[in-house]
Amino acid sequence: MRRFSVFLAVLCMLVVLRTAAYSEEIPRSPLLESALSMLEKGNPILEHYGQVTGHPVEARFELGCPYYWGGRSEARLLSVMEAWKSSPGYYIEGRSYLYGYDCNGFISWLLRRHGYQPFGTISGALAMTGADVNIEGSRNAEGQDLSQRLEIGDLLAIRHNGSSYHVAMYIGTLRQYGFSEGTVSPSLVPLLDYPLIIHCTVSSDYYVRYESYIEDAFDTIVYPPDGGVIVSVVAPRDMASDMEINPDNDMSFYCLLEDYRLQVYDPSLDLQTRWLRWPKA
């Protein structure tokens, strides 16, 4: 009987330690700070990072880093550029847009800035071999189970249905940024421990913000971006509380985090996804 009591005590201690380790606040990270600096001023994830770590991060661009089809050059950010070719969705060759990063450009900039090996192509990342980049158990895990397997900076490579690709970076969970059951809307309570990703993708918020900015800043025709750097939560789409038509005439699903539309990304709807622990140079 005594042995059983000791066993139960040890088991409870392990559960407490595991929960504590998982629930600890987001650690300070130069990689993460660079990523978050590309969000818009006042973004709740950006603000909470400063509150939790004691190291506030200033938004590099007041309205956030916009999306630009094929965008790769840091030096050209927020300049006016003609689209280099037409995209499958929004961008039309010859029209002028605000220059920003695309998904690959944003992630490649982050990795290059912090001493990782060059990223290359998303299709190449999906086809990589070698156990060193694989994250054990990540292929079939979801929710809190998936978050527990990931580390800040892990990449999510995606092949959508068709020939388009996408890439994003893991940045922790809402709970690690100081959000809790008492501070979020009811729709977000089940998502507190689900993985958050940062990526450059479609967002109506960017279109609206930069549409107003362009009207005041330019006399010539400049089209607003169809998105930019945002934070999303990786979860089934049916956990979203709201939806809207985005600038690409597709649907975006989201939950409100304070006044921020936190998009819900559902990997089960894509042709292929893979979590990768990208190697240092």
C-alpha atoms as a PDB file:
ATOM      1  CA  MET A   1       0.000   0.000   0.000  1.00  0.00           C
ATOM      2  CA  ARG A   2       2.857   2.319   0.894  1.00  0.00           C
ATOM      3  CA  ARG A   3       4.574   1.587  -2.431  1.00  0.00           C
ATOM      4  CA  PHE A   4       1.384   2.467  -4.268  1.00  0.00           C
ATOM      5  CA  SER A   5       1.113   5.763  -2.352  1.00  0.00           C
ATOM      6  CA  VAL A   6       4.701   6.641  -3.229  1.00  0.00           C
ATOM      7  CA  PHE A   7       4.012   5.744  -6.868  1.00  0.00           C
ATOM      8  CA  LEU A   8       0.965   8.028  -6.915  1.00  0.00           C
ATOM      9  CA  ALA A   9       2.950  10.863  -5.326  1.00  0.00           C
ATOM     10  CA  VAL A  10       5.724  10.556  -7.910  1.00  0.00           C
ATOM     11  CA  LEU A  11       3.181  10.363 -10.739  1.00  0.00           C
ATOM     12  CA  CYS A  12       1.420  13.500  -9.508  1.00  0.00           C
ATOM     13  CA  MET A  13       4.749  15.301  -9.219  1.00  0.00           C
ATOM     14  CA  LEU A  14       5.645  14.390 -12.799  1.00  0.00           C
ATOM     15  CA  VAL A  15       2.272  15.659 -14.014  1.00  0.00           C
ATOM     16  CA  VAL A  16       2.774  18.944 -12.135  1.00  0.00           C
ATOM     17  CA  LEU A  17       6.296  19.356 -13.492  1.00  0.00           C
ATOM     18  CA  ARG A  18       5.174  18.589 -17.038  1.00  0.00           C
ATOM     19  CA  THR A  19       2.329  21.094 -16.777  1.00  0.00           C
ATOM     20  CA  ALA A  20       4.617  23.728 -15.267  1.00  0.00           C
ATOM     21  CA  ALA A  21       7.218  23.244 -17.971  1.00  0.00           C
ATOM     22  CA  TYR A  22       4.575  23.522 -20.642  1.00  0.00           C
ATOM     23  CA  SER A  23       2.798  26.499 -19.087  1.00  0.00           C
ATOM     24  CA  GLU A  24       5.885  28.610 -18.464  1.00  0.00           C
ATOM     25  CA  GLU A  25       5.922  31.999 -20.132  1.00  0.00           C
ATOM     26  CA  ILE A  26       7.448  32.559 -23.527  1.00  0.00           C
ATOM     27  CA  PRO A  27      11.259  32.797 -23.301  1.00  0.00           C
ATOM     28  CA  ARG A  28      13.072  35.805 -24.686  1.00  0.00           C
ATOM     29  CA  SER A  29      14.346  35.039 -28.198  1.00  0.00           C
ATOM     30  CA  PRO A  30      16.145  37.300 -30.720  1.00  0.00           C
ATOM     31  CA  LEU A  31      14.647  35.208 -33.549  1.00  0.00           C
ATOM     32  CA  LEU A  32      11.169  35.676 -32.128  1.00  0.00           C
ATOM     33  CA  GLU A  33      11.727  39.398 -31.588  1.00  0.00           C
ATOM     34  CA  SER A  34      12.716  39.853 -35.229  1.00  0.00           C
ATOM     35  CA  ALA A  35       9.606  37.980 -36.340  1.00  0.00           C
ATOM     36  CA  LEU A  36       7.257  39.920 -34.063  1.00  0.00           C
ATOM     37  CA  SER A  37       8.775  43.258 -35.118  1.00  0.00           C
ATOM     38  CA  MET A  38       7.131  42.750 -38.515  1.00  0.00           C
ATOM     39  CA  LEU A  39       3.635  42.836 -36.978  1.00  0.00           C
ATOM     40  CA  GLU A  40       1.693  46.089 -36.814  1.00  0.00           C
ATOM     41  CA  LYS A  41       1.988  48.486 -33.890  1.00  0.00           C
ATOM     42  CA  GLY A  42      -0.384  47.511 -31.074  1.00  0.00           C
ATOM     43  CA  ASN A  43      -0.733  43.859 -32.127  1.00  0.00           C
ATOM     44  CA  PRO A  44      -1.702  41.960 -28.923  1.00  0.00           C
ATOM     45  CA  ILE A  45       0.918  39.220 -29.445  1.00  0.00           C
ATOM     46  CA  LEU A  46       3.610  41.873 -29.879  1.00  0.00           C
ATOM     47  CA  GLU A  47       2.421  43.755 -26.787  1.00  0.00           C
ATOM     48  CA  HIS A  48       2.137  40.647 -24.620  1.00  0.00           C
ATOM     49  CA  TYR A  49       5.627  39.493 -25.574  1.00  0.00           C
ATOM     50  CA  GLY A  50       7.002  42.700 -24.064  1.00  0.00           C
ATOM     51  CA  GLN A  51       4.891  42.325 -20.945  1.00  0.00           C
ATOM     52  CA  VAL A  52       5.848  38.683 -20.365  1.00  0.00           C
ATOM     53  CA  THR A  53       9.574  38.968 -21.113  1.00  0.00           C
ATOM     54  CA  GLY A  54      10.179  42.513 -19.898  1.00  0.00           C
ATOM     55  CA  HIS A  55      11.730  43.323 -23.281  1.00  0.00           C
ATOM     56  CA  PRO A  56       9.319  45.350 -25.431  1.00  0.00           C
ATOM     57  CA  VAL A  57       9.671  44.958 -29.199  1.00  0.00           C
ATOM     58  CA  GLU A  58       8.993  47.935 -31.442  1.00  0.00           C
ATOM     59  CA  ALA A  59       7.011  47.368 -34.622  1.00  0.00           C
ATOM     60  CA  ARG A  60       9.319  48.063 -37.551  1.00  0.00           C
ATOM     61  CA  PHE A  61       6.415  49.368 -39.637  1.00  0.00           C
ATOM     62  CA  GLU A  62       3.447  51.017 -37.945  1.00  0.00           C
ATOM     63  CA  LEU A  63       0.982  49.137 -40.162  1.00  0.00           C
ATOM     64  CA  GLY A  64       3.018  45.912 -40.317  1.00  0.00           C
ATOM     65  CA  CYS A  65       5.104  44.357 -43.090  1.00  0.00           C
ATOM     66  CA  PRO A  66       2.906  43.949 -46.195  1.00  0.00           C
ATOM     67  CA  TYR A  67       2.772  40.990 -48.555  1.00  0.00           C
ATOM     68  CA  TYR A  68       4.205  41.293 -52.068  1.00  0.00           C
ATOM     69  CA  TRP A  69       4.201  38.447 -54.596  1.00  0.00           C
ATOM     70  CA  GLY A  70       7.835  37.307 -54.949  1.00  0.00           C
ATOM     71  CA  GLY A  71       9.114  39.765 -52.333  1.00  0.00           C
ATOM     72  CA  ARG A  72      12.661  38.913 -51.181  1.00  0.00           C
ATOM     73  CA  SER A  73      14.600  42.207 -50.768  1.00  0.00           C
ATOM     74  CA  GLU A  74      14.784  43.824 -47.328  1.00  0.00           C
ATOM     75  CA  ALA A  75      16.098  47.071 -48.848  1.00  0.00           C
ATOM     76  CA  ARG A  76      12.922  47.541 -50.930  1.00  0.00           C
ATOM     77  CA  LEU A  77      10.360  47.084 -48.140  1.00  0.00           C
ATOM     78  CA  LEU A  78       7.519  49.631 -48.388  1.00  0.00           C
ATOM     79  CA  SER A  79       8.766  51.069 -51.673  1.00  0.00           C
ATOM     80  CA  VAL A  80       6.424  51.156 -54.672  1.00  0.00           C
ATOM     81  CA  MET A  81       7.096  48.355 -57.164  1.00  0.00           C
ATOM     82  CA  GLU A  82       5.374  46.952 -60.233  1.00  0.00           C
ATOM     83  CA  ALA A  83       4.341  43.309 -59.900  1.00  0.00           C
ATOM     84  CA  TRP A  84       7.017  41.199 -61.572  1.00  0.00           C
ATOM     85  CA  LYS A  85       4.383  38.773 -62.812  1.00  0.00           C
ATOM     86  CA  SER A  86       0.747  37.926 -62.169  1.00  0.00           C
ATOM     87  CA  SER A  87       0.008  35.731 -59.174  1.00  0.00           C
ATOM     88  CA  PRO A  88      -2.672  33.016 -59.079  1.00  0.00           C
ATOM     89  CA  GLY A  89      -4.736  35.363 -56.923  1.00  0.00           C
ATOM     90  CA  TYR A  90      -4.453  39.086 -56.485  1.00  0.00           C
ATOM     91  CA  TYR A  91      -1.290  40.506 -58.101  1.00  0.00           C
ATOM     92  CA  ILE A  92      -1.309  41.556 -61.765  1.00  0.00           C
ATOM     93  CA  GLU A  93       1.850  42.130 -63.776  1.00  0.00           C
ATOM     94  CA  GLY A  94       2.496  45.810 -64.464  1.00  0.00           C
ATOM     95  CA  ARG A  95       0.345  47.161 -61.626  1.00  0.00           C
ATOM     96  CA  SER A  96       2.083  49.045 -58.814  1.00  0.00           C
ATOM     97  CA  TYR A  97       1.956  47.764 -55.227  1.00  0.00           C
ATOM     98  CA  LEU A  98       3.722  48.410 -51.947  1.00  0.00           C
ATOM     99  CA  TYR A  99       6.712  46.101 -51.742  1.00  0.00           C
ATOM    100  CA  GLY A 100       6.847  43.588 -48.904  1.00  0.00           C
ATOM    101  CA  TYR A 101       7.849  40.001 -48.324  1.00  0.00           C
ATOM    102  CA  ASP A 102       6.080  36.905 -49.541  1.00  0.00           C
ATOM    103  CA  CYS A 103       5.939  33.857 -47.240  1.00  0.00           C
ATOM    104  CA  ASN A 104       9.313  32.480 -48.347  1.00  0.00           C
ATOM    105  CA  GLY A 105      10.947  35.905 -48.325  1.00  0.00           C
ATOM    106  CA  PHE A 106       9.836  36.570 -44.739  1.00  0.00           C
ATOM    107  CA  ILE A 107      11.022  33.216 -43.359  1.00  0.00           C
ATOM    108  CA  SER A 108      14.262  33.323 -45.368  1.00  0.00           C
ATOM    109  CA  TRP A 109      15.001  36.795 -43.959  1.00  0.00           C
ATOM    110  CA  LEU A 110      14.466  35.554 -40.396  1.00  0.00           C
ATOM    111  CA  LEU A 111      16.683  32.489 -40.810  1.00  0.00           C
ATOM    112  CA  ARG A 112      19.449  34.406 -42.567  1.00  0.00           C
ATOM    113  CA  ARG A 113      19.398  37.116 -39.882  1.00  0.00           C
ATOM    114  CA  HIS A 114      19.861  34.582 -37.074  1.00  0.00           C
ATOM    115  CA  GLY A 115      22.478  32.199 -38.397  1.00  0.00           C
ATOM    116  CA  TYR A 116      20.432  29.362 -39.861  1.00  0.00           C
ATOM    117  CA  GLN A 117      21.158  27.509 -43.057  1.00  0.00           C
ATOM    118  CA  PRO A 118      19.587  29.032 -46.195  1.00  0.00           C
ATOM    119  CA  PHE A 119      15.979  27.997 -46.618  1.00  0.00           C
ATOM    120  CA  GLY A 120      15.697  27.498 -50.395  1.00  0.00           C
ATOM    121  CA  THR A 121      12.324  26.341 -51.710  1.00  0.00           C
ATOM    122  CA  ILE A 122       9.273  25.129 -49.816  1.00  0.00           C
ATOM    123  CA  SER A 123       8.935  22.120 -52.097  1.00  0.00           C
ATOM    124  CA  GLY A 124      12.553  21.279 -51.278  1.00  0.00           C
ATOM    125  CA  ALA A 125      11.819  21.524 -47.554  1.00  0.00           C
ATOM    126  CA  LEU A 126       8.872  19.146 -47.932  1.00  0.00           C
ATOM    127  CA  ALA A 127      11.125  16.631 -49.704  1.00  0.00           C
ATOM    128  CA  MET A 128      14.096  16.848 -47.319  1.00  0.00           C
ATOM    129  CA  THR A 129      15.498  13.661 -45.875  1.00  0.00           C
ATOM    130  CA  GLY A 130      17.428  13.161 -42.646  1.00  0.00           C
ATOM    131  CA  ALA A 131      16.286  12.655 -39.093  1.00  0.00           C
ATOM    132  CA  ASP A 132      17.917  15.888 -37.905  1.00  0.00           C
ATOM    133  CA  VAL A 133      15.134  18.076 -39.365  1.00  0.00           C
ATOM    134  CA  ASN A 134      12.212  15.846 -38.363  1.00  0.00           C
ATOM    135  CA  ILE A 135      10.279  16.582 -35.163  1.00  0.00           C
ATOM    136  CA  GLU A 136       9.267  13.336 -33.499  1.00  0.00           C
ATOM    137  CA  GLY A 137       5.530  12.751 -33.443  1.00  0.00           C
ATOM    138  CA  SER A 138       4.646  16.086 -35.063  1.00  0.00           C
ATOM    139  CA  ARG A 139       3.045  14.574 -38.158  1.00  0.00           C
ATOM    140  CA  ASN A 140      -0.018  13.222 -36.335  1.00  0.00           C
ATOM    141  CA  ALA A 141      -0.106  15.483 -33.270  1.00  0.00           C
ATOM    142  CA  GLU A 142      -2.425  18.454 -32.836  1.00  0.00           C
ATOM    143  CA  GLY A 143      -3.408  20.990 -30.194  1.00  0.00           C
ATOM    144  CA  GLN A 144      -1.523  20.936 -26.910  1.00  0.00           C
ATOM    145  CA  ASP A 145       0.170  17.657 -27.839  1.00  0.00           C
ATOM    146  CA  LEU A 146       1.686  19.313 -30.912  1.00  0.00           C
ATOM    147  CA  SER A 147       2.714  22.467 -29.000  1.00  0.00           C
ATOM    148  CA  GLN A 148       4.613  20.335 -26.488  1.00  0.00           C
ATOM    149  CA  ARG A 149       6.703  18.832 -29.294  1.00  0.00           C
ATOM    150  CA  LEU A 150       7.623  22.146 -30.935  1.00  0.00           C
ATOM    151  CA  GLU A 151      10.283  24.754 -30.211  1.00  0.00           C
ATOM    152  CA  ILE A 152      10.343  28.445 -31.079  1.00  0.00           C
ATOM    153  CA  GLY A 153      11.615  28.716 -34.654  1.00  0.00           C
ATOM    154  CA  ASP A 154      10.331  25.368 -35.943  1.00  0.00           C
ATOM    155  CA  LEU A 155       8.995  25.695 -39.473  1.00  0.00           C
ATOM    156  CA  LEU A 156       5.748  24.514 -41.009  1.00  0.00           C
ATOM    157  CA  ALA A 157       6.109  23.798 -44.746  1.00  0.00           C
ATOM    158  CA  ILE A 158       2.831  23.522 -46.647  1.00  0.00           C
ATOM    159  CA  ARG A 159       1.654  22.410 -50.062  1.00  0.00           C
ATOM    160  CA  HIS A 160      -1.850  23.599 -50.740  1.00  0.00           C
ATOM    161  CA  ASN A 161      -4.201  21.686 -53.001  1.00  0.00           C
ATOM    162  CA  GLY A 162      -2.736  22.436 -56.406  1.00  0.00           C
ATOM    163  CA  SER A 163       0.755  23.765 -57.063  1.00  0.00           C
ATOM    164  CA  SER A 164       0.992  26.594 -54.496  1.00  0.00           C
ATOM    165  CA  TYR A 165       3.162  26.412 -51.377  1.00  0.00           C
ATOM    166  CA  HIS A 166       3.452  28.225 -48.066  1.00  0.00           C
ATOM    167  CA  VAL A 167       5.763  28.383 -45.039  1.00  0.00           C
ATOM    168  CA  ALA A 168       5.320  29.619 -41.464  1.00  0.00           C
ATOM    169  CA  MET A 169       7.189  29.607 -38.135  1.00  0.00           C
ATOM    170  CA  TYR A 170       6.085  28.345 -34.697  1.00  0.00           C
ATOM    171  CA  ILE A 171       6.098  31.053 -31.986  1.00  0.00           C
ATOM    172  CA  GLY A 172       4.506  29.429 -28.911  1.00  0.00           C
ATOM    173  CA  THR A 173       0.955  29.429 -27.535  1.00  0.00           C
ATOM    174  CA  LEU A 174      -1.492  32.051 -26.329  1.00  0.00           C
ATOM    175  CA  ARG A 175      -1.039  30.852 -22.755  1.00  0.00           C
ATOM    176  CA  GLN A 176       2.716  31.372 -22.976  1.00  0.00           C
ATOM    177  CA  TYR A 177       2.074  34.997 -23.966  1.00  0.00           C
ATOM    178  CA  GLY A 178       0.102  35.548 -20.773  1.00  0.00           C
ATOM    179  CA  PHE A 179      -3.417  34.957 -22.056  1.00  0.00           C
ATOM    180  CA  SER A 180      -5.699  32.821 -19.890  1.00  0.00           C
ATOM    181  CA  GLU A 181      -9.261  31.578 -19.522  1.00  0.00           C
ATOM    182  CA  GLY A 182     -10.153  34.824 -17.758  1.00  0.00           C
ATOM    183  CA  THR A 183      -8.680  37.187 -20.361  1.00  0.00           C
ATOM    184  CA  VAL A 184      -9.811  35.802 -23.727  1.00  0.00           C
ATOM    185  CA  SER A 185     -13.191  35.370 -25.378  1.00  0.00           C
ATOM    186  CA  PRO A 186     -15.011  32.051 -24.854  1.00  0.00           C
ATOM    187  CA  SER A 187     -14.209  30.986 -28.420  1.00  0.00           C
ATOM    188  CA  LEU A 188     -10.468  31.210 -27.695  1.00  0.00           C
ATOM    189  CA  VAL A 189     -10.445  29.301 -24.395  1.00  0.00           C
ATOM    190  CA  PRO A 190     -10.145  25.878 -26.124  1.00  0.00           C
ATOM    191  CA  LEU A 191      -7.276  27.275 -28.242  1.00  0.00           C
ATOM    192  CA  LEU A 192      -5.059  28.621 -25.449  1.00  0.00           C
ATOM    193  CA  ASP A 193      -2.561  25.751 -25.789  1.00  0.00           C
ATOM    194  CA  TYR A 194      -2.736  25.293 -29.559  1.00  0.00           C
ATOM    195  CA  PRO A 195       0.322  26.241 -31.659  1.00  0.00           C
ATOM    196  CA  LEU A 196       0.686  29.798 -32.919  1.00  0.00           C
ATOM    197  CA  ILE A 197       2.487  30.486 -36.196  1.00  0.00           C
ATOM    198  CA  ILE A 198       3.752  33.720 -37.720  1.00  0.00           C
ATOM    199  CA  HIS A 199       3.720  34.031 -41.500  1.00  0.00           C
ATOM    200  CA  CYS A 200       3.227  36.430 -44.390  1.00  0.00           C
ATOM    201  CA  THR A 201      -0.136  35.655 -45.943  1.00  0.00           C
ATOM    202  CA  VAL A 202      -3.566  36.942 -46.986  1.00  0.00           C
ATOM    203  CA  SER A 203      -5.216  39.354 -44.546  1.00  0.00           C
ATOM    204  CA  SER A 204      -8.126  41.774 -44.997  1.00  0.00           C
ATOM    205  CA  ASP A 205      -6.726  43.885 -42.156  1.00  0.00           C
ATOM    206  CA  TYR A 206      -3.649  44.736 -44.225  1.00  0.00           C
ATOM    207  CA  TYR A 207      -5.739  45.620 -47.257  1.00  0.00           C
ATOM    208  CA  VAL A 208      -7.902  48.050 -45.253  1.00  0.00           C
ATOM    209  CA  ARG A 209      -5.022  49.615 -43.290  1.00  0.00           C
ATOM    210  CA  TYR A 210      -2.816  50.184 -46.318  1.00  0.00           C
ATOM    211  CA  GLU A 211      -5.696  51.320 -48.525  1.00  0.00           C
ATOM    212  CA  SER A 212      -6.125  54.320 -46.224  1.00  0.00           C
ATOM    213  CA  TYR A 213      -2.360  54.863 -46.019  1.00  0.00           C
ATOM    214  CA  ILE A 214      -1.959  54.813 -49.826  1.00  0.00           C
ATOM    215  CA  GLU A 215      -4.772  57.340 -50.320  1.00  0.00           C
ATOM    216  CA  ASP A 216      -2.874  59.839 -48.158  1.00  0.00           C
ATOM    217  CA  ALA A 217       0.667  59.008 -49.326  1.00  0.00           C
ATOM    218  CA  PHE A 218       0.464  58.776 -53.140  1.00  0.00           C
ATOM    219  CA  ASP A 219      -1.056  60.688 -56.023  1.00  0.00           C
ATOM    220  CA  THR A 220      -0.531  57.812 -58.463  1.00  0.00           C
ATOM    221  CA  ILE A 221      -2.404  54.503 -58.543  1.00  0.00           C
ATOM    222  CA  VAL A 222      -0.859  52.086 -56.044  1.00  0.00           C
ATOM    223  CA  TYR A 223      -2.795  48.960 -55.113  1.00  0.00           C
ATOM    224  CA  PRO A 224      -2.911  47.935 -51.444  1.00  0.00           C
ATOM    225  CA  PRO A 225      -1.377  44.596 -50.439  1.00  0.00           C
ATOM    226  CA  ASP A 226      -3.703  41.625 -50.047  1.00  0.00           C
ATOM    227  CA  GLY A 227      -2.006  40.642 -46.780  1.00  0.00           C
ATOM    228  CA  GLY A 228       1.132  40.796 -44.672  1.00  0.00           C
ATOM    229  CA  VAL A 229       2.795  39.338 -41.591  1.00  0.00           C
ATOM    230  CA  ILE A 230       0.188  37.926 -39.225  1.00  0.00           C
ATOM    231  CA  VAL A 231      -0.179  35.420 -36.386  1.00  0.00           C
ATOM    232  CA  SER A 232      -2.485  32.417 -36.800  1.00  0.00           C
ATOM    233  CA  VAL A 233      -3.465  29.524 -34.565  1.00  0.00           C
ATOM    234  CA  VAL A 234      -3.088  25.968 -35.936  1.00  0.00           C
ATOM    235  CA  ALA A 235      -6.415  24.272 -35.291  1.00  0.00           C
ATOM    236  CA  PRO A 236      -9.426  22.705 -37.031  1.00  0.00           C
ATOM    237  CA  ARG A 237     -11.378  25.283 -38.972  1.00  0.00           C
ATOM    238  CA  ASP A 238     -14.596  24.480 -37.101  1.00  0.00           C
ATOM    239  CA  MET A 239     -13.016  25.957 -33.947  1.00  0.00           C
ATOM    240  CA  ALA A 240     -13.155  29.428 -35.525  1.00  0.00           C
ATOM    241  CA  SER A 241     -15.945  31.708 -34.366  1.00  0.00           C
ATOM    242  CA  ASP A 242     -16.118  33.982 -37.430  1.00  0.00           C
ATOM    243  CA  MET A 243     -15.336  34.060 -41.141  1.00  0.00           C
ATOM    244  CA  GLU A 244     -14.969  36.651 -43.895  1.00  0.00           C
ATOM    245  CA  ILE A 245     -14.179  36.949 -47.600  1.00  0.00           C
ATOM    246  CA  ASN A 246     -10.524  37.943 -47.960  1.00  0.00           C
ATOM    247  CA  PRO A 247      -8.883  40.024 -50.766  1.00  0.00           C
ATOM    248  CA  ASP A 248      -8.178  36.820 -52.740  1.00  0.00           C
ATOM    249  CA  ASN A 249     -11.950  36.117 -52.835  1.00  0.00           C
ATOM    250  CA  ASP A 250     -11.479  33.120 -50.568  1.00  0.00           C
ATOM    251  CA  MET A 251     -12.678  32.607 -47.003  1.00  0.00           C
ATOM    252  CA  SER A 252     -10.636  33.393 -43.886  1.00  0.00           C
ATOM    253  CA  PHE A 253     -11.664  31.872 -40.554  1.00  0.00           C
ATOM    254  CA  TYR A 254     -10.751  33.581 -37.304  1.00  0.00           C
ATOM    255  CA  CYS A 255     -11.405  34.279 -33.618  1.00  0.00           C
ATOM    256  CA  LEU A 256     -11.125  37.712 -32.030  1.00  0.00           C
ATOM    257  CA  LEU A 257      -8.126  38.188 -29.722  1.00  0.00           C
ATOM    258  CA  GLU A 258      -8.950  41.524 -28.136  1.00  0.00           C
ATOM    259  CA  ASP A 259      -9.562  43.492 -31.371  1.00  0.00           C
ATOM    260  CA  TYR A 260      -7.216  41.351 -33.470  1.00  0.00           C
ATOM    261  CA  ARG A 261      -8.557  38.840 -35.959  1.00  0.00           C
ATOM    262  CA  LEU A 262      -6.517  35.739 -35.103  1.00  0.00           C
ATOM    263  CA  GLN A 263      -6.825  33.555 -38.175  1.00  0.00           C
ATOM    264  CA  VAL A 264      -7.345  29.810 -37.788  1.00  0.00           C
ATOM    265  CA  TYR A 265      -5.140  27.687 -40.025  1.00  0.00           C
ATOM    266  CA  ASP A 266      -6.331  24.094 -40.546  1.00  0.00           C
ATOM    267  CA  PRO A 267      -3.518  21.857 -41.912  1.00  0.00           C
ATOM    268  CA  SER A 268      -5.911  18.990 -42.604  1.00  0.00           C
ATOM    269  CA  LEU A 269      -7.256  20.911 -45.604  1.00  0.00           C
ATOM    270  CA  ASP A 270      -3.899  20.969 -47.395  1.00  0.00           C
ATOM    271  CA  LEU A 271      -2.337  18.362 -49.631  1.00  0.00           C
ATOM    272  CA  GLN A 272       0.862  18.109 -47.576  1.00  0.00           C
ATOM    273  CA  THR A 273       2.297  19.661 -44.414  1.00  0.00           C
ATOM    274  CA  ARG A 274       5.515  19.050 -42.527  1.00  0.00           C
ATOM    275  CA  TRP A 275       7.048  20.442 -39.335  1.00  0.00           C
ATOM    276  CA  LEU A 276      10.822  20.981 -39.574  1.00  0.00           C
ATOM    277  CA  ARG A 277      13.522  21.913 -37.066  1.00  0.00           C
ATOM    278  CA  TRP A 278      15.712  23.986 -39.353  1.00  0.00           C
ATOM    279  CA  PRO A 279      19.476  23.508 -38.843  1.00  0.00           C
ATOM    280  CA  LYS A 280      21.903  26.249 -37.835  1.00  0.00           C
ATOM    281  CA  ALA A 281      24.606  27.225 -40.299  1.00  0.00           C
END
